[in-house]
Amino acid sequence: MTNKYAEKRIIEPHLYYATPARVLADTRLQGREKLKVLQTMRMDAGYLAAATTAQLGGGRVPNLQRVESAIRALKQANGRNA
């Protein structure tokens, strides 16, 4: 079960983390929780890219490449392939 601290960050990571590296550095999150936060960031970055392509504008979310890189680093640190 995920705690409230993690739940908030999984749902709206942009409110708590300026970059994916900040997620990785958060010592209060476990590996699985960090992965969930990064997956939400990846989804948000994808939505922003689509909105930008459609000229709808968008909010501040991390670059998709940085999110993907952070996910790979987390998986490698946990002994799993990306």
C-alpha atoms as a PDB file:
ATOM      1  CA  MET A   1       0.000   0.000   0.000  1.00  0.00           C
ATOM      2  CA  THR A   2       1.300   3.432  -0.934  1.00  0.00           C
ATOM      3  CA  ASN A   3       1.453   6.115   1.742  1.00  0.00           C
ATOM      4  CA  LYS A   4      -0.084   9.595   1.428  1.00  0.00           C
ATOM      5  CA  TYR A   5       3.308  11.207   0.799  1.00  0.00           C
ATOM      6  CA  ALA A   6       3.887   8.962  -2.209  1.00  0.00           C
ATOM      7  CA  GLU A   7       0.281   9.094  -3.437  1.00  0.00           C
ATOM      8  CA  LYS A   8       0.360  12.876  -3.735  1.00  0.00           C
ATOM      9  CA  ARG A   9       3.588  12.762  -5.709  1.00  0.00           C
ATOM     10  CA  ILE A  10       2.382   9.964  -7.978  1.00  0.00           C
ATOM     11  CA  ILE A  11      -0.794  11.865  -8.864  1.00  0.00           C
ATOM     12  CA  GLU A  12       0.762  15.321  -9.432  1.00  0.00           C
ATOM     13  CA  PRO A  13       4.545  15.054  -9.589  1.00  0.00           C
ATOM     14  CA  HIS A  14       4.919  18.479 -11.212  1.00  0.00           C
ATOM     15  CA  LEU A  15       3.854  20.065  -7.917  1.00  0.00           C
ATOM     16  CA  TYR A  16       6.734  18.428  -6.048  1.00  0.00           C
ATOM     17  CA  TYR A  17       9.579  17.825  -8.521  1.00  0.00           C
ATOM     18  CA  ALA A  18      11.162  20.215 -11.003  1.00  0.00           C
ATOM     19  CA  THR A  19      13.146  17.417 -12.656  1.00  0.00           C
ATOM     20  CA  PRO A  20      13.181  13.617 -12.801  1.00  0.00           C
ATOM     21  CA  ALA A  21      16.516  13.706 -10.961  1.00  0.00           C
ATOM     22  CA  ARG A  22      14.686  15.147  -7.942  1.00  0.00           C
ATOM     23  CA  VAL A  23      12.431  12.090  -7.909  1.00  0.00           C
ATOM     24  CA  LEU A  24      15.455   9.800  -7.878  1.00  0.00           C
ATOM     25  CA  ALA A  25      16.977  11.803  -5.023  1.00  0.00           C
ATOM     26  CA  ASP A  26      13.828  11.634  -2.842  1.00  0.00           C
ATOM     27  CA  THR A  27      14.830   9.375   0.033  1.00  0.00           C
ATOM     28  CA  ARG A  28      11.264   9.128   1.349  1.00  0.00           C
ATOM     29  CA  LEU A  29      10.107   7.183  -1.715  1.00  0.00           C
ATOM     30  CA  GLN A  30      10.770   3.504  -2.327  1.00  0.00           C
ATOM     31  CA  GLY A  31      11.932   2.295  -5.735  1.00  0.00           C
ATOM     32  CA  ARG A  32       8.466   1.189  -6.865  1.00  0.00           C
ATOM     33  CA  GLU A  33       6.983   4.547  -5.814  1.00  0.00           C
ATOM     34  CA  LYS A  34       9.720   6.443  -7.678  1.00  0.00           C
ATOM     35  CA  LEU A  35       8.927   4.419 -10.775  1.00  0.00           C
ATOM     36  CA  LYS A  36       5.234   5.300 -10.500  1.00  0.00           C
ATOM     37  CA  VAL A  37       6.071   9.010 -10.129  1.00  0.00           C
ATOM     38  CA  LEU A  38       8.362   8.863 -13.155  1.00  0.00           C
ATOM     39  CA  GLN A  39       5.712   7.026 -15.177  1.00  0.00           C
ATOM     40  CA  THR A  40       3.244   9.798 -14.391  1.00  0.00           C
ATOM     41  CA  MET A  41       5.850  12.361 -15.435  1.00  0.00           C
ATOM     42  CA  ARG A  42       6.379  10.434 -18.684  1.00  0.00           C
ATOM     43  CA  MET A  43       2.644  10.431 -19.371  1.00  0.00           C
ATOM     44  CA  ASP A  44       2.418  14.166 -18.597  1.00  0.00           C
ATOM     45  CA  ALA A  45       5.368  14.898 -20.892  1.00  0.00           C
ATOM     46  CA  GLY A  46       3.671  12.923 -23.649  1.00  0.00           C
ATOM     47  CA  TYR A  47       0.457  14.888 -23.198  1.00  0.00           C
ATOM     48  CA  LEU A  48       2.388  18.151 -23.302  1.00  0.00           C
ATOM     49  CA  ALA A  49       4.182  17.106 -26.466  1.00  0.00           C
ATOM     50  CA  ALA A  50       0.846  16.257 -28.085  1.00  0.00           C
ATOM     51  CA  ALA A  51      -0.687  19.557 -26.948  1.00  0.00           C
ATOM     52  CA  THR A  52       2.302  21.487 -28.245  1.00  0.00           C
ATOM     53  CA  THR A  53       2.036  19.700 -31.586  1.00  0.00           C
ATOM     54  CA  ALA A  54      -1.655  20.609 -31.717  1.00  0.00           C
ATOM     55  CA  GLN A  55      -0.737  24.182 -30.718  1.00  0.00           C
ATOM     56  CA  LEU A  56      -2.774  24.004 -27.537  1.00  0.00           C
ATOM     57  CA  GLY A  57       0.050  25.085 -25.269  1.00  0.00           C
ATOM     58  CA  GLY A  58       0.772  23.372 -22.018  1.00  0.00           C
ATOM     59  CA  GLY A  59       2.194  23.555 -18.537  1.00  0.00           C
ATOM     60  CA  ARG A  60       5.647  22.974 -17.118  1.00  0.00           C
ATOM     61  CA  VAL A  61       6.597  19.310 -17.272  1.00  0.00           C
ATOM     62  CA  PRO A  62      10.018  17.705 -17.614  1.00  0.00           C
ATOM     63  CA  ASN A  63      11.501  16.852 -20.987  1.00  0.00           C
ATOM     64  CA  LEU A  64      10.453  13.348 -22.071  1.00  0.00           C
ATOM     65  CA  GLN A  65      14.058  12.287 -22.694  1.00  0.00           C
ATOM     66  CA  ARG A  66      15.062  13.198 -19.142  1.00  0.00           C
ATOM     67  CA  VAL A  67      12.134  11.224 -17.749  1.00  0.00           C
ATOM     68  CA  GLU A  68      13.016   8.164 -19.860  1.00  0.00           C
ATOM     69  CA  SER A  69      16.646   8.436 -18.761  1.00  0.00           C
ATOM     70  CA  ALA A  70      15.627   8.577 -15.092  1.00  0.00           C
ATOM     71  CA  ILE A  71      13.392   5.505 -15.508  1.00  0.00           C
ATOM     72  CA  ARG A  72      16.280   3.562 -17.077  1.00  0.00           C
ATOM     73  CA  ALA A  73      18.638   4.647 -14.286  1.00  0.00           C
ATOM     74  CA  LEU A  74      16.158   3.567 -11.611  1.00  0.00           C
ATOM     75  CA  LYS A  75      15.610   0.169 -13.241  1.00  0.00           C
ATOM     76  CA  GLN A  76      19.363  -0.370 -13.615  1.00  0.00           C
ATOM     77  CA  ALA A  77      19.914   0.575  -9.969  1.00  0.00           C
ATOM     78  CA  ASN A  78      17.333  -2.039  -9.016  1.00  0.00           C
ATOM     79  CA  GLY A  79      18.996  -4.672 -11.209  1.00  0.00           C
ATOM     80  CA  ARG A  80      16.384  -4.705 -13.962  1.00  0.00           C
ATOM     81  CA  ASN A  81      16.808  -3.944 -17.633  1.00  0.00           C
ATOM     82  CA  ALA A  82      15.092  -0.848 -19.022  1.00  0.00           C
END
